Amino acid sequence: MKPVCHEVTVRLAPADAFELFTQGIGRWWPFAGHSCSGADGLTVEFEPRVGGRVTEVAKDGTRHPWGLLTAWQPPHGFEMTWHPAQPEAHATRLAVRFTPADGGCTVAIEHAGLEVRGPEVRRNYDEGWAIVLGCYAKEAER
């Protein structure tokens, strides 16, 4: 099955774009429609190393695993297994790249391995990543 690919160009240097995507994720991620906690989502924590956990944290402190980092290369990108609200056996693969672009940085997402979840889930992620990157780009413009 073809991976889901989306990209957006923002007026940030790659290091700043990477920091906003990872450490600043609580400022822009659309938790209400795209998280385990819904509107109660607060942030996502990245353990910044290969093998580190990526965990959603709700306002009440509840933690939901999203996956494990399989590559951590600031400011160039990261890769991870991806299984929010799913068993680890249903994990897919997510890669996020930050590439210098004229006056800023292109942020590209490739979400692969969706065969384990099926075509309906692929369609949902195709729409969902467009929304997520739109929220990210809006925050990057502030």
Protein backbone atom coordinates (compact mmCIF):
# COMPACT_ATOMS: atom_id res chain seq x y z
CA MET A 1 0.00 0.00 0.00
CA LYS A 2 1.27 3.45 -0.91
CA PRO A 3 2.49 5.57 2.06
CA VAL A 4 0.67 8.74 3.08
CA CYS A 5 2.89 11.71 2.23
CA HIS A 6 2.31 15.37 3.05
CA GLU A 7 4.54 18.40 3.33
CA VAL A 8 4.39 22.04 4.27
CA THR A 9 6.95 24.83 4.02
CA VAL A 10 7.29 27.18 6.98
CA ARG A 11 9.39 30.28 7.62
CA LEU A 12 11.53 28.67 10.31
CA ALA A 13 15.06 27.32 10.23
CA PRO A 14 15.15 23.49 10.37
CA ALA A 15 16.30 23.51 14.02
CA ASP A 16 13.38 25.76 15.04
CA ALA A 17 10.92 23.76 12.93
CA PHE A 18 12.14 20.52 14.54
CA GLU A 19 11.84 22.02 18.03
CA LEU A 20 8.29 23.24 17.35
CA PHE A 21 7.24 19.85 16.01
CA THR A 22 8.66 17.92 18.96
CA GLN A 23 9.11 19.99 22.12
CA GLY A 24 6.42 22.53 21.15
CA ILE A 25 3.82 20.00 20.00
CA GLY A 26 1.42 20.83 22.85
CA ARG A 27 1.00 24.34 21.39
CA TRP A 28 -0.38 23.22 18.05
CA TRP A 29 -1.40 19.52 17.88
CA PRO A 30 -5.19 19.27 17.26
CA PHE A 31 -5.90 17.02 20.24
CA ALA A 32 -9.70 17.29 20.08
CA GLY A 33 -9.91 15.26 16.87
CA HIS A 34 -6.51 13.60 16.59
CA SER A 35 -5.47 12.07 19.89
CA CYS A 36 -6.19 9.36 22.43
CA SER A 37 -7.37 11.91 25.02
CA GLY A 38 -9.53 14.03 22.75
CA ALA A 39 -10.01 17.59 24.00
CA ASP A 40 -8.31 16.58 27.27
CA GLY A 41 -4.95 16.11 25.50
CA LEU A 42 -2.24 18.38 26.86
CA THR A 43 1.03 17.49 25.13
CA VAL A 44 3.19 14.76 23.65
CA GLU A 45 6.53 13.88 25.20
CA PHE A 46 9.46 12.66 23.11
CA GLU A 47 12.30 10.82 24.85
CA PRO A 48 14.98 12.28 22.56
CA ARG A 49 16.95 9.15 21.60
CA VAL A 50 16.64 6.05 19.48
CA GLY A 51 14.38 3.69 21.42
CA GLY A 52 12.79 6.62 23.27
CA ARG A 53 9.07 6.61 23.90
CA VAL A 54 6.63 9.06 22.33
CA THR A 55 3.77 9.51 24.78
CA GLU A 56 0.61 11.60 24.78
CA VAL A 57 -0.14 13.20 28.14
CA ALA A 58 -3.68 14.22 29.09
CA LYS A 59 -4.60 17.11 31.36
CA ASP A 60 -5.29 14.67 34.22
CA GLY A 61 -1.85 13.06 33.79
CA THR A 62 -3.07 9.96 31.94
CA ARG A 63 -0.43 8.75 29.50
CA HIS A 64 -1.04 7.07 26.14
CA PRO A 65 1.79 5.49 24.13
CA TRP A 66 2.10 6.65 20.53
CA GLY A 67 5.22 4.67 19.62
CA LEU A 68 9.00 4.38 19.85
CA LEU A 69 11.66 6.46 18.13
CA THR A 70 13.62 4.43 15.60
CA ALA A 71 15.71 7.42 14.42
CA TRP A 72 16.42 10.74 16.15
CA GLN A 73 18.47 13.18 14.08
CA PRO A 74 17.79 16.80 15.09
CA PRO A 75 17.37 19.06 13.20
CA HIS A 76 17.02 16.78 10.16
CA GLY A 77 14.21 14.54 11.31
CA PHE A 78 13.00 11.56 13.25
CA GLU A 79 11.31 8.23 12.61
CA MET A 80 9.08 6.22 14.89
CA THR A 81 6.70 3.35 15.17
CA TRP A 82 3.14 4.69 15.26
CA HIS A 83 0.29 3.06 17.18
CA PRO A 84 -1.79 5.61 19.15
CA ALA A 85 -4.76 3.82 20.75
CA GLN A 86 -3.71 0.58 19.03
CA PRO A 87 -1.79 -2.51 20.11
CA GLU A 88 1.92 -2.36 19.32
CA ALA A 89 1.38 -5.24 16.88
CA HIS A 90 -0.61 -2.78 14.70
CA ALA A 91 2.22 -0.24 14.57
CA THR A 92 2.91 1.59 11.34
CA ARG A 93 5.97 3.72 10.50
CA LEU A 94 6.18 7.50 10.59
CA ALA A 95 9.08 9.58 9.26
CA VAL A 96 9.24 13.37 9.63
CA ARG A 97 11.94 15.29 7.75
CA PHE A 98 13.01 18.94 8.04
CA THR A 99 14.79 20.22 4.92
CA PRO A 100 16.09 23.75 4.36
CA ALA A 101 14.02 25.64 1.81
CA ASP A 102 14.24 29.15 0.45
CA GLY A 103 13.54 31.35 3.46
CA GLY A 104 12.59 28.49 5.76
CA CYS A 105 12.11 24.76 5.98
CA THR A 106 10.01 22.06 4.33
CA VAL A 107 8.47 19.63 6.79
CA ALA A 108 7.63 16.32 5.11
CA ILE A 109 5.71 13.42 6.61
CA GLU A 110 5.76 9.88 5.26
CA HIS A 111 3.43 7.44 7.01
CA ALA A 112 4.08 3.90 5.77
CA GLY A 113 3.23 0.34 6.69
CA LEU A 114 -0.49 1.02 6.69
CA GLU A 115 -1.15 -2.44 5.21
CA VAL A 116 -1.54 -3.70 8.78
CA ARG A 117 -4.51 -1.34 9.24
CA GLY A 118 -6.22 -1.36 5.82
CA PRO A 119 -7.36 1.12 3.14
CA GLU A 120 -9.99 2.88 5.29
CA VAL A 121 -7.35 3.74 7.89
CA ARG A 122 -5.03 4.94 5.12
CA ARG A 123 -7.73 7.34 3.88
CA ASN A 124 -8.28 8.61 7.42
CA TYR A 125 -4.56 9.27 7.89
CA ASP A 126 -4.31 10.98 4.51
CA GLU A 127 -6.99 13.46 5.63
CA GLY A 128 -5.71 13.62 9.21
CA TRP A 129 -2.09 14.44 8.37
CA ALA A 130 -3.25 17.30 6.15
CA ILE A 131 -5.15 18.75 9.13
CA VAL A 132 -2.25 18.19 11.53
CA LEU A 133 0.29 19.86 9.23
CA GLY A 134 -2.10 22.76 8.70
CA CYS A 135 -2.22 23.32 12.46
CA TYR A 136 1.56 23.07 12.63
CA ALA A 137 2.02 25.61 9.81
CA LYS A 138 -0.40 28.02 11.49
CA GLU A 139 1.58 27.87 14.74
CA ALA A 140 4.87 28.26 12.85
CA GLU A 141 3.61 31.53 11.37
CA ARG A 142 3.02 33.07 14.84
